[in-house]
Amino acid sequence: MAISEPGMAEYAFLGGLYRDPYFPDRVVDRGRAVLVRLCERIEAERPADLAGLYALTHAATEEFNALEAEFEAAGSEIETVAREEIAEDFWAIAMAYGFAGADVEELIAPREW
């Protein structure tokens, strides 16, 4: 399934991480895939409220938690720059799908990074 929301279909997920050689593209690609899947799930499931959105974003956050080991194995980590970039993309997704009341910290509440 392709993303149908125009703003997200053209969005440069994790753009700052791709521009920084500290973050290996092959691992960033996996993070980008998490965010694309999140958009696809939002479009497919159409959460009716913030609780529904948070359930989806928490699942995606857990996927990022699992990526931490891959970043470390590649000599990198999900550190301050990466945390901010990931959080910003979660927030952009929430805004694009009409969840203006979303709290960025709640979007990524189960994070371990």
PDB file of N, CA and C in Angstrom:
ATOM      1  N   MET A   1       0.850  -1.181   0.000  1.00  0.00           N
ATOM      2  CA  MET A   1       0.000   0.000   0.000  1.00  0.00           C
ATOM      3  C   MET A   1       0.898   1.247   0.000  1.00  0.00           C
ATOM      4  N   ALA A   2       0.595   2.170  -0.838  1.00  0.00           N
ATOM      5  CA  ALA A   2       1.335   3.423  -0.893  1.00  0.00           C
ATOM      6  C   ALA A   2       0.627   4.471  -0.033  1.00  0.00           C
ATOM      7  N   ILE A   3       1.380   5.408   0.467  1.00  0.00           N
ATOM      8  CA  ILE A   3       0.810   6.497   1.255  1.00  0.00           C
ATOM      9  C   ILE A   3      -0.011   7.386   0.326  1.00  0.00           C
ATOM     10  N   SER A   4      -1.260   7.685   0.715  1.00  0.00           N
ATOM     11  CA  SER A   4      -2.110   8.532  -0.125  1.00  0.00           C
ATOM     12  C   SER A   4      -2.144   9.984   0.346  1.00  0.00           C
ATOM     13  N   GLU A   5      -1.823  10.244   1.596  1.00  0.00           N
ATOM     14  CA  GLU A   5      -1.788  11.621   2.113  1.00  0.00           C
ATOM     15  C   GLU A   5      -0.665  12.366   1.387  1.00  0.00           C
ATOM     16  N   PRO A   6      -1.010  13.395   0.579  1.00  0.00           N
ATOM     17  CA  PRO A   6       0.020  14.067  -0.231  1.00  0.00           C
ATOM     18  C   PRO A   6       1.202  14.592   0.581  1.00  0.00           C
ATOM     19  N   GLY A   7       0.955  15.189   1.709  1.00  0.00           N
ATOM     20  CA  GLY A   7       2.048  15.721   2.515  1.00  0.00           C
ATOM     21  C   GLY A   7       3.003  14.651   2.991  1.00  0.00           C
ATOM     22  N   MET A   8       2.486  13.488   3.268  1.00  0.00           N
ATOM     23  CA  MET A   8       3.333  12.392   3.749  1.00  0.00           C
ATOM     24  C   MET A   8       3.936  11.605   2.599  1.00  0.00           C
ATOM     25  N   ALA A   9       3.247  11.516   1.485  1.00  0.00           N
ATOM     26  CA  ALA A   9       3.788  10.799   0.323  1.00  0.00           C
ATOM     27  C   ALA A   9       5.068  11.465  -0.165  1.00  0.00           C
ATOM     28  N   GLU A  10       5.161  12.785  -0.004  1.00  0.00           N
ATOM     29  CA  GLU A  10       6.325  13.543  -0.459  1.00  0.00           C
ATOM     30  C   GLU A  10       7.287  13.888   0.679  1.00  0.00           C
ATOM     31  N   TYR A  11       6.964  13.495   1.889  1.00  0.00           N
ATOM     32  CA  TYR A  11       7.739  13.878   3.066  1.00  0.00           C
ATOM     33  C   TYR A  11       9.096  13.170   3.089  1.00  0.00           C
ATOM     34  N   ALA A  12      10.128  13.890   3.448  1.00  0.00           N
ATOM     35  CA  ALA A  12      11.490  13.325   3.530  1.00  0.00           C
ATOM     36  C   ALA A  12      11.721  12.789   4.943  1.00  0.00           C
ATOM     37  N   PHE A  13      11.197  11.608   5.221  1.00  0.00           N
ATOM     38  CA  PHE A  13      11.358  10.997   6.531  1.00  0.00           C
ATOM     39  C   PHE A  13      12.835  10.873   6.898  1.00  0.00           C
ATOM     40  N   LEU A  14      13.172  11.274   8.118  1.00  0.00           N
ATOM     41  CA  LEU A  14      14.513  11.157   8.682  1.00  0.00           C
ATOM     42  C   LEU A  14      15.575  11.837   7.815  1.00  0.00           C
ATOM     43  N   GLY A  15      15.168  12.903   7.152  1.00  0.00           N
ATOM     44  CA  GLY A  15      16.070  13.609   6.244  1.00  0.00           C
ATOM     45  C   GLY A  15      17.376  14.041   6.894  1.00  0.00           C
ATOM     46  N   GLY A  16      17.308  14.523   8.120  1.00  0.00           N
ATOM     47  CA  GLY A  16      18.517  14.955   8.805  1.00  0.00           C
ATOM     48  C   GLY A  16      19.483  13.815   9.079  1.00  0.00           C
ATOM     49  N   LEU A  17      18.943  12.625   9.302  1.00  0.00           N
ATOM     50  CA  LEU A  17      19.812  11.474   9.563  1.00  0.00           C
ATOM     51  C   LEU A  17      20.506  11.025   8.281  1.00  0.00           C
ATOM     52  N   TYR A  18      19.807  11.118   7.163  1.00  0.00           N
ATOM     53  CA  TYR A  18      20.439  10.774   5.887  1.00  0.00           C
ATOM     54  C   TYR A  18      21.579  11.734   5.546  1.00  0.00           C
ATOM     55  N   ARG A  19      21.450  12.997   5.969  1.00  0.00           N
ATOM     56  CA  ARG A  19      22.483  13.987   5.658  1.00  0.00           C
ATOM     57  C   ARG A  19      23.690  13.891   6.574  1.00  0.00           C
ATOM     58  N   ASP A  20      23.592  13.136   7.650  1.00  0.00           N
ATOM     59  CA  ASP A  20      24.682  13.036   8.625  1.00  0.00           C
ATOM     60  C   ASP A  20      25.357  11.672   8.483  1.00  0.00           C
ATOM     61  N   PRO A  21      26.638  11.639   8.122  1.00  0.00           N
ATOM     62  CA  PRO A  21      27.316  10.360   7.904  1.00  0.00           C
ATOM     63  C   PRO A  21      27.441   9.500   9.174  1.00  0.00           C
ATOM     64  N   TYR A  22      27.182  10.075  10.337  1.00  0.00           N
ATOM     65  CA  TYR A  22      27.220   9.286  11.581  1.00  0.00           C
ATOM     66  C   TYR A  22      26.145   8.201  11.574  1.00  0.00           C
ATOM     67  N   PHE A  23      25.069   8.444  10.845  1.00  0.00           N
ATOM     68  CA  PHE A  23      23.955   7.496  10.810  1.00  0.00           C
ATOM     69  C   PHE A  23      24.005   6.713   9.504  1.00  0.00           C
ATOM     70  N   PRO A  24      24.237   5.404   9.572  1.00  0.00           N
ATOM     71  CA  PRO A  24      24.350   4.600   8.350  1.00  0.00           C
ATOM     72  C   PRO A  24      23.015   4.515   7.601  1.00  0.00           C
ATOM     73  N   ASP A  25      23.055   4.818   6.316  1.00  0.00           N
ATOM     74  CA  ASP A  25      21.839   4.839   5.504  1.00  0.00           C
ATOM     75  C   ASP A  25      21.057   3.537   5.586  1.00  0.00           C
ATOM     76  N   ARG A  26      21.746   2.412   5.612  1.00  0.00           N
ATOM     77  CA  ARG A  26      21.021   1.131   5.615  1.00  0.00           C
ATOM     78  C   ARG A  26      20.176   0.968   6.871  1.00  0.00           C
ATOM     79  N   VAL A  27      20.608   1.539   7.991  1.00  0.00           N
ATOM     80  CA  VAL A  27      19.818   1.466   9.218  1.00  0.00           C
ATOM     81  C   VAL A  27      18.741   2.555   9.203  1.00  0.00           C
ATOM     82  N   VAL A  28      19.100   3.731   8.715  1.00  0.00           N
ATOM     83  CA  VAL A  28      18.112   4.813   8.598  1.00  0.00           C
ATOM     84  C   VAL A  28      16.984   4.373   7.666  1.00  0.00           C
ATOM     85  N   ASP A  29      17.319   3.629   6.613  1.00  0.00           N
ATOM     86  CA  ASP A  29      16.293   3.095   5.709  1.00  0.00           C
ATOM     87  C   ASP A  29      15.266   2.266   6.474  1.00  0.00           C
ATOM     88  N   ARG A  30      15.735   1.511   7.430  1.00  0.00           N
ATOM     89  CA  ARG A  30      14.812   0.674   8.225  1.00  0.00           C
ATOM     90  C   ARG A  30      13.909   1.559   9.082  1.00  0.00           C
ATOM     91  N   GLY A  31      14.467   2.645   9.620  1.00  0.00           N
ATOM     92  CA  GLY A  31      13.654   3.591  10.383  1.00  0.00           C
ATOM     93  C   GLY A  31      12.634   4.292   9.503  1.00  0.00           C
ATOM     94  N   ARG A  32      13.063   4.661   8.322  1.00  0.00           N
ATOM     95  CA  ARG A  32      12.131   5.285   7.374  1.00  0.00           C
ATOM     96  C   ARG A  32      10.983   4.328   7.064  1.00  0.00           C
ATOM     97  N   ALA A  33      11.293   3.066   6.891  1.00  0.00           N
ATOM     98  CA  ALA A  33      10.262   2.065   6.609  1.00  0.00           C
ATOM     99  C   ALA A  33       9.251   1.980   7.753  1.00  0.00           C
ATOM    100  N   VAL A  34       9.717   2.121   8.986  1.00  0.00           N
ATOM    101  CA  VAL A  34       8.805   2.127  10.144  1.00  0.00           C
ATOM    102  C   VAL A  34       7.816   3.280  10.005  1.00  0.00           C
ATOM    103  N   LEU A  35       8.305   4.449   9.650  1.00  0.00           N
ATOM    104  CA  LEU A  35       7.441   5.625   9.540  1.00  0.00           C
ATOM    105  C   LEU A  35       6.477   5.509   8.361  1.00  0.00           C
ATOM    106  N   VAL A  36       6.933   4.954   7.268  1.00  0.00           N
ATOM    107  CA  VAL A  36       6.049   4.734   6.120  1.00  0.00           C
ATOM    108  C   VAL A  36       4.941   3.750   6.510  1.00  0.00           C
ATOM    109  N   ARG A  37       5.306   2.666   7.187  1.00  0.00           N
ATOM    110  CA  ARG A  37       4.293   1.696   7.639  1.00  0.00           C
ATOM    111  C   ARG A  37       3.307   2.343   8.597  1.00  0.00           C
ATOM    112  N   LEU A  38       3.801   3.243   9.455  1.00  0.00           N
ATOM    113  CA  LEU A  38       2.901   3.949  10.370  1.00  0.00           C
ATOM    114  C   LEU A  38       1.870   4.742   9.576  1.00  0.00           C
ATOM    115  N   CYS A  39       2.302   5.474   8.578  1.00  0.00           N
ATOM    116  CA  CYS A  39       1.356   6.219   7.739  1.00  0.00           C
ATOM    117  C   CYS A  39       0.350   5.273   7.082  1.00  0.00           C
ATOM    118  N   GLU A  40       0.840   4.181   6.542  1.00  0.00           N
ATOM    119  CA  GLU A  40      -0.049   3.213   5.891  1.00  0.00           C
ATOM    120  C   GLU A  40      -1.067   2.647   6.874  1.00  0.00           C
ATOM    121  N   ARG A  41      -0.635   2.372   8.089  1.00  0.00           N
ATOM    122  CA  ARG A  41      -1.569   1.846   9.104  1.00  0.00           C
ATOM    123  C   ARG A  41      -2.605   2.892   9.488  1.00  0.00           C
ATOM    124  N   ILE A  42      -2.173   4.146   9.624  1.00  0.00           N
ATOM    125  CA  ILE A  42      -3.129   5.213   9.948  1.00  0.00           C
ATOM    126  C   ILE A  42      -4.170   5.319   8.834  1.00  0.00           C
ATOM    127  N   GLU A  43      -3.733   5.267   7.601  1.00  0.00           N
ATOM    128  CA  GLU A  43      -4.665   5.359   6.480  1.00  0.00           C
ATOM    129  C   GLU A  43      -5.586   4.148   6.404  1.00  0.00           C
ATOM    130  N   ALA A  44      -5.087   2.978   6.716  1.00  0.00           N
ATOM    131  CA  ALA A  44      -5.899   1.763   6.649  1.00  0.00           C
ATOM    132  C   ALA A  44      -6.872   1.655   7.821  1.00  0.00           C
ATOM    133  N   GLU A  45      -6.396   1.995   9.021  1.00  0.00           N
ATOM    134  CA  GLU A  45      -7.202   1.790  10.222  1.00  0.00           C
ATOM    135  C   GLU A  45      -8.017   3.013  10.621  1.00  0.00           C
ATOM    136  N   ARG A  46      -7.639   4.179  10.136  1.00  0.00           N
ATOM    137  CA  ARG A  46      -8.351   5.418  10.425  1.00  0.00           C
ATOM    138  C   ARG A  46      -8.708   5.569  11.909  1.00  0.00           C
ATOM    139  N   PRO A  47      -7.717   5.717  12.775  1.00  0.00           N
ATOM    140  CA  PRO A  47      -8.030   5.862  14.204  1.00  0.00           C
ATOM    141  C   PRO A  47      -8.967   7.051  14.424  1.00  0.00           C
ATOM    142  N   ALA A  48      -9.953   6.838  15.277  1.00  0.00           N
ATOM    143  CA  ALA A  48     -10.995   7.838  15.496  1.00  0.00           C
ATOM    144  C   ALA A  48     -10.597   8.901  16.506  1.00  0.00           C
ATOM    145  N   ASP A  49      -9.588   8.599  17.307  1.00  0.00           N
ATOM    146  CA  ASP A  49      -9.217   9.535  18.366  1.00  0.00           C
ATOM    147  C   ASP A  49      -7.735   9.385  18.694  1.00  0.00           C
ATOM    148  N   LEU A  50      -7.288  10.212  19.631  1.00  0.00           N
ATOM    149  CA  LEU A  50      -5.875  10.172  20.010  1.00  0.00           C
ATOM    150  C   LEU A  50      -5.472   8.827  20.588  1.00  0.00           C
ATOM    151  N   ALA A  51      -6.355   8.190  21.330  1.00  0.00           N
ATOM    152  CA  ALA A  51      -6.017   6.882  21.899  1.00  0.00           C
ATOM    153  C   ALA A  51      -5.702   5.883  20.782  1.00  0.00           C
ATOM    154  N   GLY A  52      -6.485   5.919  19.729  1.00  0.00           N
ATOM    155  CA  GLY A  52      -6.243   5.028  18.598  1.00  0.00           C
ATOM    156  C   GLY A  52      -4.939   5.365  17.887  1.00  0.00           C
ATOM    157  N   LEU A  53      -4.687   6.657  17.729  1.00  0.00           N
ATOM    158  CA  LEU A  53      -3.421   7.078  17.118  1.00  0.00           C
ATOM    159  C   LEU A  53      -2.247   6.641  17.969  1.00  0.00           C
ATOM    160  N   TYR A  54      -2.335   6.870  19.290  1.00  0.00           N
ATOM    161  CA  TYR A  54      -1.233   6.516  20.174  1.00  0.00           C
ATOM    162  C   TYR A  54      -0.946   5.015  20.145  1.00  0.00           C
ATOM    163  N   ALA A  55      -1.959   4.200  19.996  1.00  0.00           N
ATOM    164  CA  ALA A  55      -1.724   2.754  19.900  1.00  0.00           C
ATOM    165  C   ALA A  55      -0.842   2.451  18.691  1.00  0.00           C
ATOM    166  N   LEU A  56      -1.102   3.128  17.582  1.00  0.00           N
ATOM    167  CA  LEU A  56      -0.304   2.904  16.374  1.00  0.00           C
ATOM    168  C   LEU A  56       1.100   3.482  16.518  1.00  0.00           C
ATOM    169  N   THR A  57       1.220   4.687  17.078  1.00  0.00           N
ATOM    170  CA  THR A  57       2.545   5.286  17.212  1.00  0.00           C
ATOM    171  C   THR A  57       3.392   4.550  18.242  1.00  0.00           C
ATOM    172  N   HIS A  58       2.755   4.000  19.257  1.00  0.00           N
ATOM    173  CA  HIS A  58       3.517   3.234  20.252  1.00  0.00           C
ATOM    174  C   HIS A  58       4.091   1.970  19.624  1.00  0.00           C
ATOM    175  N   ALA A  59       3.317   1.311  18.773  1.00  0.00           N
ATOM    176  CA  ALA A  59       3.824   0.117  18.078  1.00  0.00           C
ATOM    177  C   ALA A  59       5.024   0.494  17.199  1.00  0.00           C
ATOM    178  N   ALA A  60       4.935   1.634  16.515  1.00  0.00           N
ATOM    179  CA  ALA A  60       6.044   2.084  15.673  1.00  0.00           C
ATOM    180  C   ALA A  60       7.258   2.452  16.527  1.00  0.00           C
ATOM    181  N   THR A  61       7.021   3.044  17.685  1.00  0.00           N
ATOM    182  CA  THR A  61       8.117   3.390  18.590  1.00  0.00           C
ATOM    183  C   THR A  61       8.837   2.135  19.056  1.00  0.00           C
ATOM    184  N   GLU A  62       8.096   1.082  19.320  1.00  0.00           N
ATOM    185  CA  GLU A  62       8.706  -0.191  19.713  1.00  0.00           C
ATOM    186  C   GLU A  62       9.607  -0.719  18.598  1.00  0.00           C
ATOM    187  N   GLU A  63       9.214  -0.488  17.350  1.00  0.00           N
ATOM    188  CA  GLU A  63      10.059  -0.899  16.233  1.00  0.00           C
ATOM    189  C   GLU A  63      11.371  -0.101  16.235  1.00  0.00           C
ATOM    190  N   PHE A  64      11.294   1.183  16.555  1.00  0.00           N
ATOM    191  CA  PHE A  64      12.525   1.977  16.675  1.00  0.00           C
ATOM    192  C   PHE A  64      13.375   1.481  17.836  1.00  0.00           C
ATOM    193  N   ASN A  65      12.741   1.084  18.923  1.00  0.00           N
ATOM    194  CA  ASN A  65      13.502   0.528  20.048  1.00  0.00           C
ATOM    195  C   ASN A  65      14.331  -0.664  19.582  1.00  0.00           C
ATOM    196  N   ALA A  66      13.741  -1.499  18.758  1.00  0.00           N
ATOM    197  CA  ALA A  66      14.447  -2.683  18.256  1.00  0.00           C
ATOM    198  C   ALA A  66      15.591  -2.298  17.316  1.00  0.00           C
ATOM    199  N   LEU A  67      15.501  -1.150  16.674  1.00  0.00           N
ATOM    200  CA  LEU A  67      16.563  -0.710  15.762  1.00  0.00           C
ATOM    201  C   LEU A  67      17.801  -0.201  16.486  1.00  0.00           C
ATOM    202  N   GLU A  68      17.683   0.129  17.752  1.00  0.00           N
ATOM    203  CA  GLU A  68      18.821   0.673  18.493  1.00  0.00           C
ATOM    204  C   GLU A  68      20.041  -0.245  18.386  1.00  0.00           C
ATOM    205  N   ALA A  69      19.837  -1.539  18.510  1.00  0.00           N
ATOM    206  CA  ALA A  69      20.959  -2.481  18.424  1.00  0.00           C
ATOM    207  C   ALA A  69      21.618  -2.432  17.044  1.00  0.00           C
ATOM    208  N   GLU A  70      20.823  -2.223  16.003  1.00  0.00           N
ATOM    209  CA  GLU A  70      21.390  -2.134  14.659  1.00  0.00           C
ATOM    210  C   GLU A  70      22.216  -0.859  14.494  1.00  0.00           C
ATOM    211  N   PHE A  71      21.735   0.232  15.064  1.00  0.00           N
ATOM    212  CA  PHE A  71      22.527   1.462  15.030  1.00  0.00           C
ATOM    213  C   PHE A  71      23.855   1.231  15.742  1.00  0.00           C
ATOM    214  N   GLU A  72      23.801   0.632  16.917  1.00  0.00           N
ATOM    215  CA  GLU A  72      25.019   0.397  17.691  1.00  0.00           C
ATOM    216  C   GLU A  72      25.982  -0.528  16.961  1.00  0.00           C
ATOM    217  N   ALA A  73      25.467  -1.574  16.332  1.00  0.00           N
ATOM    218  CA  ALA A  73      26.315  -2.508  15.592  1.00  0.00           C
ATOM    219  C   ALA A  73      27.008  -1.810  14.418  1.00  0.00           C
ATOM    220  N   ALA A  74      26.395  -0.745  13.925  1.00  0.00           N
ATOM    221  CA  ALA A  74      26.968   0.005  12.805  1.00  0.00           C
ATOM    222  C   ALA A  74      27.829   1.176  13.281  1.00  0.00           C
ATOM    223  N   GLY A  75      28.099   1.233  14.594  1.00  0.00           N
ATOM    224  CA  GLY A  75      28.941   2.296  15.133  1.00  0.00           C
ATOM    225  C   GLY A  75      28.214   3.610  15.351  1.00  0.00           C
ATOM    226  N   SER A  76      26.929   3.550  15.490  1.00  0.00           N
ATOM    227  CA  SER A  76      26.103   4.736  15.672  1.00  0.00           C
ATOM    228  C   SER A  76      25.179   4.503  16.856  1.00  0.00           C
ATOM    229  N   GLU A  77      24.257   5.398  17.094  1.00  0.00           N
ATOM    230  CA  GLU A  77      23.248   5.202  18.131  1.00  0.00           C
ATOM    231  C   GLU A  77      22.116   6.191  17.908  1.00  0.00           C
ATOM    232  N   ILE A  78      20.992   5.912  18.527  1.00  0.00           N
ATOM    233  CA  ILE A  78      19.889   6.862  18.519  1.00  0.00           C
ATOM    234  C   ILE A  78      20.167   7.822  19.669  1.00  0.00           C
ATOM    235  N   GLU A  79      20.855   8.918  19.338  1.00  0.00           N
ATOM    236  CA  GLU A  79      21.243   9.910  20.327  1.00  0.00           C
ATOM    237  C   GLU A  79      20.426  11.175  20.110  1.00  0.00           C
ATOM    238  N   THR A  80      20.844  12.279  20.690  1.00  0.00           N
ATOM    239  CA  THR A  80      20.029  13.488  20.707  1.00  0.00           C
ATOM    240  C   THR A  80      19.530  13.920  19.331  1.00  0.00           C
ATOM    241  N   VAL A  81      20.414  13.997  18.357  1.00  0.00           N
ATOM    242  CA  VAL A  81      20.001  14.420  17.015  1.00  0.00           C
ATOM    243  C   VAL A  81      18.964  13.461  16.455  1.00  0.00           C
ATOM    244  N   ALA A  82      19.219  12.181  16.572  1.00  0.00           N
ATOM    245  CA  ALA A  82      18.291  11.176  16.051  1.00  0.00           C
ATOM    246  C   ALA A  82      16.960  11.212  16.800  1.00  0.00           C
ATOM    247  N   ARG A  83      17.021  11.329  18.118  1.00  0.00           N
ATOM    248  CA  ARG A  83      15.778  11.393  18.905  1.00  0.00           C
ATOM    249  C   ARG A  83      14.901  12.550  18.443  1.00  0.00           C
ATOM    250  N   GLU A  84      15.512  13.705  18.251  1.00  0.00           N
ATOM    251  CA  GLU A  84      14.754  14.884  17.821  1.00  0.00           C
ATOM    252  C   GLU A  84      14.172  14.683  16.421  1.00  0.00           C
ATOM    253  N   GLU A  85      14.959  14.126  15.530  1.00  0.00           N
ATOM    254  CA  GLU A  85      14.502  13.895  14.154  1.00  0.00           C
ATOM    255  C   GLU A  85      13.341  12.901  14.128  1.00  0.00           C
ATOM    256  N   ILE A  86      13.470  11.823  14.864  1.00  0.00           N
ATOM    257  CA  ILE A  86      12.412  10.815  14.904  1.00  0.00           C
ATOM    258  C   ILE A  86      11.146  11.414  15.506  1.00  0.00           C
ATOM    259  N   ALA A  87      11.269  12.107  16.632  1.00  0.00           N
ATOM    260  CA  ALA A  87      10.112  12.717  17.285  1.00  0.00           C
ATOM    261  C   ALA A  87       9.433  13.723  16.359  1.00  0.00           C
ATOM    262  N   GLU A  88      10.231  14.511  15.653  1.00  0.00           N
ATOM    263  CA  GLU A  88       9.675  15.491  14.722  1.00  0.00           C
ATOM    264  C   GLU A  88       8.865  14.810  13.624  1.00  0.00           C
ATOM    265  N   ASP A  89       9.345  13.693  13.133  1.00  0.00           N
ATOM    266  CA  ASP A  89       8.617  12.979  12.089  1.00  0.00           C
ATOM    267  C   ASP A  89       7.326  12.364  12.626  1.00  0.00           C
ATOM    268  N   PHE A  90       7.348  11.837  13.844  1.00  0.00           N
ATOM    269  CA  PHE A  90       6.108  11.329  14.445  1.00  0.00           C
ATOM    270  C   PHE A  90       5.095  12.467  14.563  1.00  0.00           C
ATOM    271  N   TRP A  91       5.547  13.639  15.003  1.00  0.00           N
ATOM    272  CA  TRP A  91       4.663  14.784  15.157  1.00  0.00           C
ATOM    273  C   TRP A  91       4.112  15.220  13.805  1.00  0.00           C
ATOM    274  N   ALA A  92       4.968  15.270  12.772  1.00  0.00           N
ATOM    275  CA  ALA A  92       4.521  15.652  11.431  1.00  0.00           C
ATOM    276  C   ALA A  92       3.452  14.691  10.922  1.00  0.00           C
ATOM    277  N   ILE A  93       3.623  13.428  11.204  1.00  0.00           N
ATOM    278  CA  ILE A  93       2.624  12.430  10.798  1.00  0.00           C
ATOM    279  C   ILE A  93       1.300  12.713  11.497  1.00  0.00           C
ATOM    280  N   ALA A  94       1.341  12.930  12.798  1.00  0.00           N
ATOM    281  CA  ALA A  94       0.109  13.214  13.548  1.00  0.00           C
ATOM    282  C   ALA A  94      -0.595  14.441  12.983  1.00  0.00           C
ATOM    283  N   MET A  95       0.153  15.491  12.687  1.00  0.00           N
ATOM    284  CA  MET A  95      -0.441  16.716  12.149  1.00  0.00           C
ATOM    285  C   MET A  95      -1.047  16.463  10.769  1.00  0.00           C
ATOM    286  N   ALA A  96      -0.337  15.734   9.926  1.00  0.00           N
ATOM    287  CA  ALA A  96      -0.812  15.479   8.562  1.00  0.00           C
ATOM    288  C   ALA A  96      -2.130  14.721   8.550  1.00  0.00           C
ATOM    289  N   TYR A  97      -2.334  13.883   9.557  1.00  0.00           N
ATOM    290  CA  TYR A  97      -3.555  13.093   9.597  1.00  0.00           C
ATOM    291  C   TYR A  97      -4.625  13.692  10.506  1.00  0.00           C
ATOM    292  N   GLY A  98      -4.444  14.968  10.853  1.00  0.00           N
ATOM    293  CA  GLY A  98      -5.498  15.692  11.542  1.00  0.00           C
ATOM    294  C   GLY A  98      -5.534  15.571  13.051  1.00  0.00           C
ATOM    295  N   PHE A  99      -4.445  15.133  13.649  1.00  0.00           N
ATOM    296  CA  PHE A  99      -4.407  14.979  15.109  1.00  0.00           C
ATOM    297  C   PHE A  99      -3.621  16.132  15.738  1.00  0.00           C
ATOM    298  N   ALA A 100      -4.161  17.346  15.558  1.00  0.00           N
ATOM    299  CA  ALA A 100      -3.480  18.545  16.045  1.00  0.00           C
ATOM    300  C   ALA A 100      -3.307  18.546  17.563  1.00  0.00           C
ATOM    301  N   GLY A 101      -4.132  17.823  18.282  1.00  0.00           N
ATOM    302  CA  GLY A 101      -4.023  17.778  19.739  1.00  0.00           C
ATOM    303  C   GLY A 101      -3.032  16.751  20.254  1.00  0.00           C
ATOM    304  N   ALA A 102      -2.333  16.085  19.365  1.00  0.00           N
ATOM    305  CA  ALA A 102      -1.390  15.037  19.781  1.00  0.00           C
ATOM    306  C   ALA A 102      -0.221  15.635  20.556  1.00  0.00           C
ATOM    307  N   ASP A 103       0.207  14.929  21.572  1.00  0.00           N
ATOM    308  CA  ASP A 103       1.366  15.313  22.375  1.00  0.00           C
ATOM    309  C   ASP A 103       2.564  14.507  21.870  1.00  0.00           C
ATOM    310  N   VAL A 104       3.618  15.200  21.476  1.00  0.00           N
ATOM    311  CA  VAL A 104       4.767  14.516  20.879  1.00  0.00           C
ATOM    312  C   VAL A 104       5.372  13.499  21.839  1.00  0.00           C
ATOM    313  N   GLU A 105       5.416  13.817  23.126  1.00  0.00           N
ATOM    314  CA  GLU A 105       5.984  12.867  24.093  1.00  0.00           C
ATOM    315  C   GLU A 105       5.106  11.627  24.225  1.00  0.00           C
ATOM    316  N   GLU A 106       3.809  11.796  24.111  1.00  0.00           N
ATOM    317  CA  GLU A 106       2.918  10.639  24.178  1.00  0.00           C
ATOM    318  C   GLU A 106       2.991   9.815  22.901  1.00  0.00           C
ATOM    319  N   LEU A 107       3.228  10.474  21.772  1.00  0.00           N
ATOM    320  CA  LEU A 107       3.352   9.732  20.513  1.00  0.00           C
ATOM    321  C   LEU A 107       4.453   8.683  20.596  1.00  0.00           C
ATOM    322  N   ILE A 108       5.527   9.011  21.307  1.00  0.00           N
ATOM    323  CA  ILE A 108       6.697   8.124  21.383  1.00  0.00           C
ATOM    324  C   ILE A 108       6.944   7.652  22.818  1.00  0.00           C
ATOM    325  N   ALA A 109       5.897   7.580  23.603  1.00  0.00           N
ATOM    326  CA  ALA A 109       6.030   7.279  25.039  1.00  0.00           C
ATOM    327  C   ALA A 109       6.827   6.017  25.359  1.00  0.00           C
ATOM    328  N   PRO A 110       6.699   4.925  24.626  1.00  0.00           N
ATOM    329  CA  PRO A 110       7.457   3.728  25.009  1.00  0.00           C
ATOM    330  C   PRO A 110       8.918   3.719  24.545  1.00  0.00           C
ATOM    331  N   ARG A 111       9.427   4.860  24.104  1.00  0.00           N
ATOM    332  CA  ARG A 111      10.799   4.884  23.589  1.00  0.00           C
ATOM    333  C   ARG A 111      11.814   4.504  24.651  1.00  0.00           C
ATOM    334  N   GLU A 112      12.873   3.876  24.181  1.00  0.00           N
ATOM    335  CA  GLU A 112      13.991   3.493  25.041  1.00  0.00           C
ATOM    336  C   GLU A 112      15.265   4.198  24.587  1.00  0.00           C
ATOM    337  N   TRP A 113      15.118   5.232  23.801  1.00  0.00           N
ATOM    338  CA  TRP A 113      16.243   5.959  23.241  1.00  0.00           C
ATOM    339  C   TRP A 113      16.163   7.407  23.630  1.00  0.00           C
TER     340      TRP A 113
END
